[in-house]
Amino acid sequence: MRTLVFLSLSLALGAISLAACKQKKEDVEAGKAAVSQCLDEINIEIGKLQKATADIRVRFNAVREDLPGLETLRSKLFAVEEVMGVEGARVKWLSDELNAAVVSGNEEQIQKVSATIRGSIEGSKKLGTTVVDLADQLLPFERVDTQLRALADAGPSFPRVKAKNRRISARVTAK
């Protein structure tokens, strides 16, 4: 009888621990799915920002290089492009770290990677603001460039004044 009770208790405890293990695994999988979705959202956001930065680069390259103040904007653009490259690599690294943490089953590591991913979400929002600001700062340079190109295309629009014996003709200047 004792053996039967012991065997029943052992099976019950085994089933409970098996169910708990299965529940823990399901929780880890659900957590991984949520964090993976966040990573996918970050990756999409970074992709959009990289495309927007590339569009700004095309617009920037169309503007004449000799405009005053353009060098400051150029250095900002270089910095943003550099950050975009780093962020793209960072998302890939975080994805690899998450997969490694899930495979190992280390809950502490999963939490650590999840916290880093949440921080990346906030960082990508700030990057979006920076890209929009950069595009806004480029607009005045584009306007000036357009005006200068229009003036150059129109040619001289003022009358030519002819000098006679070091005097200016009164007929031309009287208009």
N, C-alpha and C. Protein backbone atom coordinates (compact mmCIF):
# COMPACT_ATOMS: atom_id res chain seq x y z
N MET A 1 0.82 -1.18 0.00
CA MET A 1 0.00 0.00 0.00
C MET A 1 0.87 1.25 0.00
N ARG A 2 1.93 1.23 0.84
CA ARG A 2 2.83 2.39 0.86
C ARG A 2 3.46 2.60 -0.50
N THR A 3 3.80 1.54 -1.16
CA THR A 3 4.42 1.66 -2.46
C THR A 3 3.46 2.28 -3.45
N LEU A 4 2.19 1.89 -3.36
CA LEU A 4 1.19 2.46 -4.26
C LEU A 4 0.99 3.95 -4.01
N VAL A 5 0.96 4.35 -2.73
CA VAL A 5 0.82 5.77 -2.39
C VAL A 5 2.06 6.54 -2.86
N PHE A 6 3.25 5.97 -2.62
CA PHE A 6 4.48 6.63 -3.03
C PHE A 6 4.52 6.78 -4.55
N LEU A 7 4.12 5.73 -5.25
CA LEU A 7 4.11 5.77 -6.69
C LEU A 7 3.10 6.80 -7.20
N SER A 8 1.95 6.88 -6.59
CA SER A 8 0.93 7.86 -6.98
C SER A 8 1.41 9.28 -6.75
N LEU A 9 2.03 9.50 -5.58
CA LEU A 9 2.57 10.83 -5.29
C LEU A 9 3.69 11.20 -6.26
N SER A 10 4.54 10.25 -6.57
CA SER A 10 5.65 10.51 -7.50
C SER A 10 5.11 10.88 -8.87
N LEU A 11 4.12 10.15 -9.34
CA LEU A 11 3.53 10.47 -10.64
C LEU A 11 2.85 11.84 -10.62
N ALA A 12 2.15 12.14 -9.55
CA ALA A 12 1.47 13.43 -9.43
C ALA A 12 2.47 14.57 -9.42
N LEU A 13 3.55 14.42 -8.63
CA LEU A 13 4.58 15.46 -8.58
C LEU A 13 5.28 15.60 -9.93
N GLY A 14 5.52 14.48 -10.58
CA GLY A 14 6.15 14.52 -11.91
C GLY A 14 5.27 15.23 -12.91
N ALA A 15 3.98 14.98 -12.84
CA ALA A 15 3.04 15.64 -13.75
C ALA A 15 2.98 17.13 -13.47
N ILE A 16 3.00 17.49 -12.18
CA ILE A 16 2.97 18.91 -11.81
C ILE A 16 4.23 19.61 -12.29
N SER A 17 5.39 19.00 -12.06
CA SER A 17 6.63 19.64 -12.49
C SER A 17 6.72 19.69 -14.00
N LEU A 18 6.20 18.64 -14.67
CA LEU A 18 6.18 18.65 -16.12
C LEU A 18 5.26 19.76 -16.64
N ALA A 19 4.10 19.92 -15.98
CA ALA A 19 3.18 20.99 -16.37
C ALA A 19 3.80 22.36 -16.10
N ALA A 20 4.49 22.48 -14.96
CA ALA A 20 5.14 23.75 -14.64
C ALA A 20 6.24 24.06 -15.64
N CYS A 21 6.99 23.05 -16.02
CA CYS A 21 8.05 23.24 -17.01
C CYS A 21 7.46 23.65 -18.35
N LYS A 22 6.36 22.95 -18.71
CA LYS A 22 5.69 23.30 -19.97
C LYS A 22 5.15 24.72 -19.93
N GLN A 23 4.56 25.12 -18.78
CA GLN A 23 4.04 26.47 -18.62
C GLN A 23 5.17 27.49 -18.72
N LYS A 24 6.31 27.18 -18.09
CA LYS A 24 7.46 28.09 -18.13
C LYS A 24 7.94 28.24 -19.57
N LYS A 25 7.98 27.11 -20.29
CA LYS A 25 8.42 27.16 -21.68
C LYS A 25 7.44 27.98 -22.51
N GLU A 26 6.14 27.84 -22.27
CA GLU A 26 5.14 28.63 -22.99
C GLU A 26 5.28 30.11 -22.66
N ASP A 27 5.57 30.43 -21.39
CA ASP A 27 5.78 31.83 -21.00
C ASP A 27 7.00 32.41 -21.71
N VAL A 28 8.07 31.60 -21.77
CA VAL A 28 9.29 32.06 -22.45
C VAL A 28 8.99 32.29 -23.93
N GLU A 29 8.25 31.37 -24.55
CA GLU A 29 7.91 31.51 -25.96
C GLU A 29 7.03 32.75 -26.20
N ALA A 30 6.06 32.98 -25.29
CA ALA A 30 5.20 34.15 -25.43
C ALA A 30 6.02 35.43 -25.27
N GLY A 31 6.94 35.42 -24.30
CA GLY A 31 7.81 36.58 -24.11
C GLY A 31 8.70 36.82 -25.31
N LYS A 32 9.23 35.72 -25.87
CA LYS A 32 10.08 35.84 -27.05
C LYS A 32 9.28 36.41 -28.23
N ALA A 33 8.03 35.94 -28.37
CA ALA A 33 7.20 36.44 -29.47
C ALA A 33 6.95 37.94 -29.33
N ALA A 34 6.67 38.40 -28.11
CA ALA A 34 6.42 39.83 -27.89
C ALA A 34 7.67 40.65 -28.17
N VAL A 35 8.81 40.16 -27.68
CA VAL A 35 10.07 40.90 -27.88
C VAL A 35 10.47 40.84 -29.35
N SER A 36 10.23 39.73 -30.01
CA SER A 36 10.54 39.62 -31.44
C SER A 36 9.69 40.60 -32.25
N GLN A 37 8.44 40.76 -31.84
CA GLN A 37 7.58 41.73 -32.52
C GLN A 37 8.13 43.14 -32.34
N CYS A 38 8.60 43.45 -31.13
CA CYS A 38 9.22 44.76 -30.89
C CYS A 38 10.45 44.94 -31.77
N LEU A 39 11.25 43.88 -31.88
CA LEU A 39 12.44 43.95 -32.73
C LEU A 39 12.06 44.18 -34.19
N ASP A 40 11.01 43.50 -34.64
CA ASP A 40 10.56 43.71 -36.01
C ASP A 40 10.10 45.14 -36.23
N GLU A 41 9.39 45.71 -35.25
CA GLU A 41 8.94 47.10 -35.35
C GLU A 41 10.13 48.05 -35.40
N ILE A 42 11.14 47.79 -34.56
CA ILE A 42 12.34 48.63 -34.57
C ILE A 42 13.03 48.53 -35.92
N ASN A 43 13.14 47.31 -36.42
CA ASN A 43 13.81 47.09 -37.69
C ASN A 43 13.09 47.83 -38.82
N ILE A 44 11.77 47.79 -38.82
CA ILE A 44 10.98 48.52 -39.82
C ILE A 44 11.21 50.03 -39.67
N GLU A 45 11.18 50.51 -38.43
CA GLU A 45 11.38 51.94 -38.17
C GLU A 45 12.77 52.39 -38.62
N ILE A 46 13.79 51.60 -38.29
CA ILE A 46 15.16 51.95 -38.69
C ILE A 46 15.26 51.93 -40.22
N GLY A 47 14.61 50.98 -40.87
CA GLY A 47 14.61 50.93 -42.33
C GLY A 47 13.99 52.19 -42.94
N LYS A 48 12.88 52.62 -42.37
CA LYS A 48 12.23 53.86 -42.85
C LYS A 48 13.14 55.06 -42.64
N LEU A 49 13.78 55.11 -41.48
CA LEU A 49 14.67 56.24 -41.20
C LEU A 49 15.89 56.22 -42.11
N GLN A 50 16.42 55.03 -42.41
CA GLN A 50 17.55 54.94 -43.33
C GLN A 50 17.16 55.40 -44.72
N LYS A 51 15.94 55.05 -45.15
CA LYS A 51 15.46 55.50 -46.46
C LYS A 51 15.28 57.02 -46.47
N ALA A 52 14.72 57.56 -45.39
CA ALA A 52 14.53 59.01 -45.30
C ALA A 52 15.89 59.72 -45.32
N THR A 53 16.87 59.15 -44.63
CA THR A 53 18.21 59.75 -44.61
C THR A 53 18.84 59.68 -45.99
N ALA A 54 18.63 58.58 -46.71
CA ALA A 54 19.15 58.46 -48.07
C ALA A 54 18.49 59.50 -48.99
N ASP A 55 17.19 59.73 -48.80
CA ASP A 55 16.50 60.76 -49.58
C ASP A 55 17.05 62.15 -49.27
N ILE A 56 17.35 62.41 -48.01
CA ILE A 56 17.95 63.70 -47.63
C ILE A 56 19.32 63.83 -48.28
N ARG A 57 20.08 62.73 -48.33
CA ARG A 57 21.40 62.76 -48.97
C ARG A 57 21.27 63.12 -50.44
N VAL A 58 20.29 62.58 -51.13
CA VAL A 58 20.08 62.90 -52.55
C VAL A 58 19.74 64.38 -52.69
N ARG A 59 18.85 64.88 -51.85
CA ARG A 59 18.49 66.30 -51.89
C ARG A 59 19.70 67.16 -51.58
N PHE A 60 20.49 66.74 -50.61
CA PHE A 60 21.68 67.50 -50.21
C PHE A 60 22.68 67.57 -51.36
N ASN A 61 22.88 66.46 -52.05
CA ASN A 61 23.83 66.44 -53.16
C ASN A 61 23.39 67.31 -54.32
N ALA A 62 22.09 67.59 -54.43
CA ALA A 62 21.58 68.44 -55.51
C ALA A 62 21.83 69.92 -55.24
N VAL A 63 22.10 70.28 -54.00
CA VAL A 63 22.31 71.69 -53.63
C VAL A 63 23.77 72.05 -53.91
N ARG A 64 23.98 73.28 -54.42
CA ARG A 64 25.35 73.72 -54.69
C ARG A 64 26.16 73.76 -53.41
N GLU A 65 27.42 73.45 -53.51
CA GLU A 65 28.27 73.26 -52.33
C GLU A 65 28.79 74.55 -51.70
N ASP A 66 28.69 75.68 -52.40
CA ASP A 66 29.30 76.90 -51.91
C ASP A 66 28.37 77.78 -51.08
N LEU A 67 27.24 77.25 -50.68
CA LEU A 67 26.31 78.05 -49.88
C LEU A 67 26.84 78.18 -48.45
N PRO A 68 26.78 79.39 -47.89
CA PRO A 68 27.28 79.57 -46.53
C PRO A 68 26.43 78.81 -45.51
N GLY A 69 27.08 78.13 -44.59
CA GLY A 69 26.39 77.39 -43.54
C GLY A 69 26.10 75.94 -43.90
N LEU A 70 26.38 75.57 -45.14
CA LEU A 70 26.07 74.22 -45.59
C LEU A 70 27.00 73.17 -44.96
N GLU A 71 28.21 73.56 -44.62
CA GLU A 71 29.15 72.63 -44.00
C GLU A 71 28.63 72.10 -42.66
N THR A 72 27.99 72.95 -41.89
CA THR A 72 27.43 72.52 -40.60
C THR A 72 26.36 71.46 -40.83
N LEU A 73 25.51 71.70 -41.81
CA LEU A 73 24.47 70.73 -42.12
C LEU A 73 25.08 69.43 -42.66
N ARG A 74 26.14 69.56 -43.44
CA ARG A 74 26.82 68.38 -43.97
C ARG A 74 27.35 67.50 -42.85
N SER A 75 27.94 68.10 -41.83
CA SER A 75 28.48 67.31 -40.71
C SER A 75 27.35 66.64 -39.93
N LYS A 76 26.22 67.32 -39.80
CA LYS A 76 25.06 66.70 -39.13
C LYS A 76 24.56 65.51 -39.93
N LEU A 77 24.51 65.67 -41.25
CA LEU A 77 24.05 64.59 -42.11
C LEU A 77 24.98 63.38 -42.00
N PHE A 78 26.29 63.62 -42.01
CA PHE A 78 27.24 62.53 -41.84
C PHE A 78 27.02 61.81 -40.52
N ALA A 79 26.79 62.57 -39.45
CA ALA A 79 26.58 61.97 -38.13
C ALA A 79 25.31 61.12 -38.10
N VAL A 80 24.24 61.63 -38.72
CA VAL A 80 22.98 60.87 -38.74
C VAL A 80 23.15 59.60 -39.57
N GLU A 81 23.84 59.69 -40.70
CA GLU A 81 24.07 58.50 -41.52
C GLU A 81 24.88 57.46 -40.76
N GLU A 82 25.84 57.90 -40.00
CA GLU A 82 26.65 56.98 -39.21
C GLU A 82 25.79 56.29 -38.14
N VAL A 83 24.96 57.05 -37.47
CA VAL A 83 24.09 56.48 -36.44
C VAL A 83 23.12 55.48 -37.06
N MET A 84 22.60 55.78 -38.25
CA MET A 84 21.69 54.85 -38.91
C MET A 84 22.37 53.52 -39.20
N GLY A 85 23.61 53.56 -39.63
CA GLY A 85 24.35 52.33 -39.87
C GLY A 85 24.56 51.53 -38.60
N VAL A 86 24.88 52.22 -37.52
CA VAL A 86 25.08 51.56 -36.23
C VAL A 86 23.77 50.96 -35.72
N GLU A 87 22.68 51.68 -35.87
CA GLU A 87 21.39 51.18 -35.39
C GLU A 87 20.95 49.94 -36.16
N GLY A 88 21.20 49.91 -37.46
CA GLY A 88 20.86 48.72 -38.24
C GLY A 88 21.62 47.50 -37.74
N ALA A 89 22.91 47.68 -37.47
CA ALA A 89 23.73 46.58 -36.93
C ALA A 89 23.28 46.21 -35.52
N ARG A 90 22.88 47.20 -34.76
CA ARG A 90 22.45 46.96 -33.37
C ARG A 90 21.19 46.10 -33.34
N VAL A 91 20.25 46.34 -34.23
CA VAL A 91 19.02 45.54 -34.28
C VAL A 91 19.35 44.09 -34.61
N LYS A 92 20.27 43.88 -35.55
CA LYS A 92 20.67 42.51 -35.88
C LYS A 92 21.33 41.85 -34.68
N TRP A 93 22.19 42.58 -34.00
CA TRP A 93 22.86 42.03 -32.82
C TRP A 93 21.85 41.69 -31.73
N LEU A 94 20.89 42.57 -31.49
CA LEU A 94 19.87 42.29 -30.48
C LEU A 94 19.04 41.07 -30.84
N SER A 95 18.75 40.91 -32.11
CA SER A 95 18.00 39.74 -32.55
C SER A 95 18.79 38.47 -32.26
N ASP A 96 20.08 38.49 -32.56
CA ASP A 96 20.93 37.33 -32.28
C ASP A 96 21.02 37.07 -30.78
N GLU A 97 21.14 38.14 -29.98
CA GLU A 97 21.20 37.98 -28.52
C GLU A 97 19.91 37.39 -27.96
N LEU A 98 18.79 37.85 -28.49
CA LEU A 98 17.50 37.32 -28.04
C LEU A 98 17.38 35.84 -28.36
N ASN A 99 17.74 35.47 -29.57
CA ASN A 99 17.67 34.06 -29.95
C ASN A 99 18.58 33.21 -29.07
N ALA A 100 19.79 33.70 -28.78
CA ALA A 100 20.71 32.95 -27.92
C ALA A 100 20.15 32.82 -26.50
N ALA A 101 19.53 33.87 -26.00
CA ALA A 101 18.97 33.82 -24.64
C ALA A 101 17.79 32.86 -24.58
N VAL A 102 16.97 32.84 -25.60
CA VAL A 102 15.82 31.93 -25.61
C VAL A 102 16.29 30.48 -25.72
N VAL A 103 17.27 30.24 -26.57
CA VAL A 103 17.78 28.87 -26.72
C VAL A 103 18.38 28.38 -25.41
N SER A 104 19.10 29.26 -24.72
CA SER A 104 19.70 28.85 -23.45
C SER A 104 18.65 28.73 -22.34
N GLY A 105 17.52 29.39 -22.50
CA GLY A 105 16.47 29.34 -21.49
C GLY A 105 16.78 30.19 -20.27
N ASN A 106 17.78 31.03 -20.36
CA ASN A 106 18.20 31.88 -19.25
C ASN A 106 17.24 33.06 -19.15
N GLU A 107 16.37 33.00 -18.15
CA GLU A 107 15.35 34.04 -17.97
C GLU A 107 15.96 35.41 -17.69
N GLU A 108 17.04 35.44 -16.95
CA GLU A 108 17.70 36.71 -16.62
C GLU A 108 18.25 37.37 -17.89
N GLN A 109 18.85 36.56 -18.75
CA GLN A 109 19.40 37.08 -20.00
C GLN A 109 18.27 37.58 -20.91
N ILE A 110 17.17 36.84 -20.94
CA ILE A 110 16.01 37.27 -21.76
C ILE A 110 15.50 38.62 -21.28
N GLN A 111 15.40 38.78 -19.96
CA GLN A 111 14.94 40.05 -19.40
C GLN A 111 15.90 41.18 -19.74
N LYS A 112 17.19 40.89 -19.67
CA LYS A 112 18.21 41.91 -19.97
C LYS A 112 18.12 42.36 -21.43
N VAL A 113 17.99 41.39 -22.34
CA VAL A 113 17.87 41.73 -23.77
C VAL A 113 16.57 42.48 -24.03
N SER A 114 15.50 42.05 -23.35
CA SER A 114 14.20 42.73 -23.52
C SER A 114 14.29 44.19 -23.09
N ALA A 115 14.98 44.44 -21.98
CA ALA A 115 15.14 45.82 -21.51
C ALA A 115 15.96 46.65 -22.52
N THR A 116 16.98 46.05 -23.08
CA THR A 116 17.79 46.74 -24.09
C THR A 116 16.95 47.06 -25.32
N ILE A 117 16.09 46.13 -25.69
CA ILE A 117 15.22 46.34 -26.86
C ILE A 117 14.24 47.48 -26.58
N ARG A 118 13.68 47.52 -25.38
CA ARG A 118 12.77 48.62 -25.04
C ARG A 118 13.49 49.96 -25.10
N GLY A 119 14.74 49.99 -24.66
CA GLY A 119 15.54 51.21 -24.75
C GLY A 119 15.79 51.61 -26.20
N SER A 120 15.96 50.62 -27.06
CA SER A 120 16.17 50.89 -28.48
C SER A 120 14.94 51.52 -29.12
N ILE A 121 13.77 51.11 -28.64
CA ILE A 121 12.53 51.70 -29.17
C ILE A 121 12.51 53.20 -28.88
N GLU A 122 12.86 53.58 -27.68
CA GLU A 122 12.90 55.01 -27.32
C GLU A 122 13.95 55.74 -28.15
N GLY A 123 15.11 55.09 -28.34
CA GLY A 123 16.17 55.71 -29.14
C GLY A 123 15.77 55.92 -30.58
N SER A 124 15.01 54.96 -31.15
CA SER A 124 14.60 55.11 -32.54
C SER A 124 13.59 56.25 -32.71
N LYS A 125 12.80 56.50 -31.67
CA LYS A 125 11.87 57.64 -31.73
C LYS A 125 12.65 58.95 -31.79
N LYS A 126 13.73 59.05 -31.02
CA LYS A 126 14.57 60.25 -31.04
C LYS A 126 15.25 60.41 -32.39
N LEU A 127 15.66 59.29 -32.99
CA LEU A 127 16.29 59.35 -34.30
C LEU A 127 15.31 59.89 -35.35
N GLY A 128 14.06 59.50 -35.24
CA GLY A 128 13.05 60.00 -36.17
C GLY A 128 12.93 61.50 -36.11
N THR A 129 12.96 62.04 -34.91
CA THR A 129 12.91 63.49 -34.72
C THR A 129 14.14 64.16 -35.34
N THR A 130 15.29 63.55 -35.17
CA THR A 130 16.54 64.09 -35.71
C THR A 130 16.50 64.13 -37.23
N VAL A 131 15.99 63.08 -37.84
CA VAL A 131 15.91 63.03 -39.31
C VAL A 131 14.96 64.10 -39.83
N VAL A 132 13.83 64.27 -39.18
CA VAL A 132 12.87 65.31 -39.59
C VAL A 132 13.50 66.69 -39.44
N ASP A 133 14.20 66.93 -38.34
CA ASP A 133 14.88 68.22 -38.14
C ASP A 133 15.91 68.47 -39.23
N LEU A 134 16.64 67.44 -39.59
CA LEU A 134 17.65 67.56 -40.64
C LEU A 134 17.01 67.94 -41.98
N ALA A 135 15.89 67.32 -42.29
CA ALA A 135 15.17 67.64 -43.53
C ALA A 135 14.68 69.09 -43.50
N ASP A 136 14.19 69.52 -42.34
CA ASP A 136 13.73 70.91 -42.20
C ASP A 136 14.87 71.90 -42.35
N GLN A 137 16.04 71.55 -41.84
CA GLN A 137 17.19 72.45 -41.93
C GLN A 137 17.72 72.54 -43.36
N LEU A 138 17.44 71.54 -44.17
CA LEU A 138 17.90 71.56 -45.56
C LEU A 138 17.03 72.46 -46.44
N LEU A 139 15.78 72.66 -46.07
CA LEU A 139 14.85 73.44 -46.90
C LEU A 139 15.34 74.84 -47.25
N PRO A 140 15.82 75.65 -46.31
CA PRO A 140 16.28 77.00 -46.70
C PRO A 140 17.42 76.97 -47.71
N PHE A 141 18.31 76.00 -47.59
CA PHE A 141 19.42 75.88 -48.55
C PHE A 141 18.88 75.52 -49.94
N GLU A 142 17.86 74.67 -49.97
CA GLU A 142 17.27 74.31 -51.25
C GLU A 142 16.59 75.52 -51.90
N ARG A 143 15.92 76.33 -51.08
CA ARG A 143 15.27 77.53 -51.62
C ARG A 143 16.29 78.49 -52.21
N VAL A 144 17.36 78.75 -51.48
CA VAL A 144 18.39 79.67 -51.96
C VAL A 144 19.02 79.10 -53.23
N ASP A 145 19.28 77.81 -53.25
CA ASP A 145 19.87 77.19 -54.43
C ASP A 145 18.95 77.33 -55.63
N THR A 146 17.65 77.12 -55.43
CA THR A 146 16.68 77.27 -56.51
C THR A 146 16.67 78.70 -57.04
N GLN A 147 16.70 79.66 -56.14
CA GLN A 147 16.71 81.06 -56.55
C GLN A 147 17.97 81.41 -57.34
N LEU A 148 19.11 80.94 -56.85
CA LEU A 148 20.38 81.23 -57.54
C LEU A 148 20.41 80.57 -58.92
N ARG A 149 19.89 79.38 -59.03
CA ARG A 149 19.86 78.69 -60.33
C ARG A 149 18.91 79.43 -61.29
N ALA A 150 17.78 79.92 -60.77
CA ALA A 150 16.84 80.66 -61.61
C ALA A 150 17.48 81.94 -62.11
N LEU A 151 18.21 82.64 -61.24
CA LEU A 151 18.90 83.86 -61.67
C LEU A 151 19.97 83.55 -62.70
N ALA A 152 20.69 82.48 -62.51
CA ALA A 152 21.74 82.12 -63.46
C ALA A 152 21.14 81.73 -64.81
N ASP A 153 20.01 81.04 -64.79
CA ASP A 153 19.36 80.63 -66.04
C ASP A 153 18.77 81.83 -66.79
N ALA A 154 18.28 82.82 -66.04
CA ALA A 154 17.66 83.99 -66.67
C ALA A 154 18.70 84.90 -67.31
N GLY A 155 19.90 84.82 -66.85
CA GLY A 155 20.93 85.70 -67.38
C GLY A 155 20.80 87.08 -66.76
N PRO A 156 21.62 88.01 -67.23
CA PRO A 156 21.54 89.35 -66.66
C PRO A 156 20.22 90.02 -67.03
N SER A 157 19.54 90.54 -66.04
CA SER A 157 18.24 91.16 -66.29
C SER A 157 18.29 92.67 -66.16
N PHE A 158 19.45 93.24 -66.10
CA PHE A 158 19.56 94.69 -65.99
C PHE A 158 20.09 95.25 -67.32
N PRO A 159 19.73 96.49 -67.65
CA PRO A 159 20.17 97.05 -68.93
C PRO A 159 21.67 97.33 -68.91
N ARG A 160 22.23 97.17 -70.07
CA ARG A 160 23.66 97.47 -70.17
C ARG A 160 23.84 98.97 -70.38
N VAL A 161 24.80 99.46 -69.69
CA VAL A 161 25.07 100.89 -69.78
C VAL A 161 26.36 101.06 -70.58
N LYS A 162 26.28 101.93 -71.57
CA LYS A 162 27.45 102.17 -72.39
C LYS A 162 28.09 103.48 -71.96
N ALA A 163 29.35 103.47 -71.90
CA ALA A 163 30.07 104.67 -71.51
C ALA A 163 30.57 105.38 -72.78
N LYS A 164 30.41 106.72 -72.79
CA LYS A 164 30.94 107.51 -73.88
C LYS A 164 31.88 108.51 -73.27
N ASN A 165 33.06 108.39 -73.69
CA ASN A 165 34.07 109.32 -73.21
C ASN A 165 34.04 109.42 -71.68
N ARG A 166 33.98 108.31 -71.05
CA ARG A 166 33.98 108.21 -69.58
C ARG A 166 32.72 108.78 -68.94
N ARG A 167 31.69 109.02 -69.71
CA ARG A 167 30.42 109.46 -69.17
C ARG A 167 29.36 108.40 -69.47
N ILE A 168 28.40 108.34 -68.62
CA ILE A 168 27.33 107.38 -68.83
C ILE A 168 26.25 108.06 -69.65
N SER A 169 25.75 107.35 -70.64
CA SER A 169 24.72 107.90 -71.51
C SER A 169 23.45 108.18 -70.71
N ALA A 170 22.89 109.36 -70.87
CA ALA A 170 21.73 109.78 -70.11
C ALA A 170 20.49 109.03 -70.56
N ARG A 171 20.45 108.62 -71.80
CA ARG A 171 19.27 107.94 -72.29
C ARG A 171 19.05 106.59 -71.61
N VAL A 172 20.10 105.87 -71.38
CA VAL A 172 19.99 104.52 -70.80
C VAL A 172 19.64 104.61 -69.33
N THR A 173 20.20 105.57 -68.61
CA THR A 173 19.97 105.63 -67.17
C THR A 173 18.70 106.37 -66.83
N ALA A 174 18.08 107.06 -67.77
CA ALA A 174 16.90 107.86 -67.46
C ALA A 174 15.67 106.98 -67.29
N LYS A 175 15.67 105.81 -67.74
CA LYS A 175 14.49 104.94 -67.66
C LYS A 175 14.14 104.63 -66.27
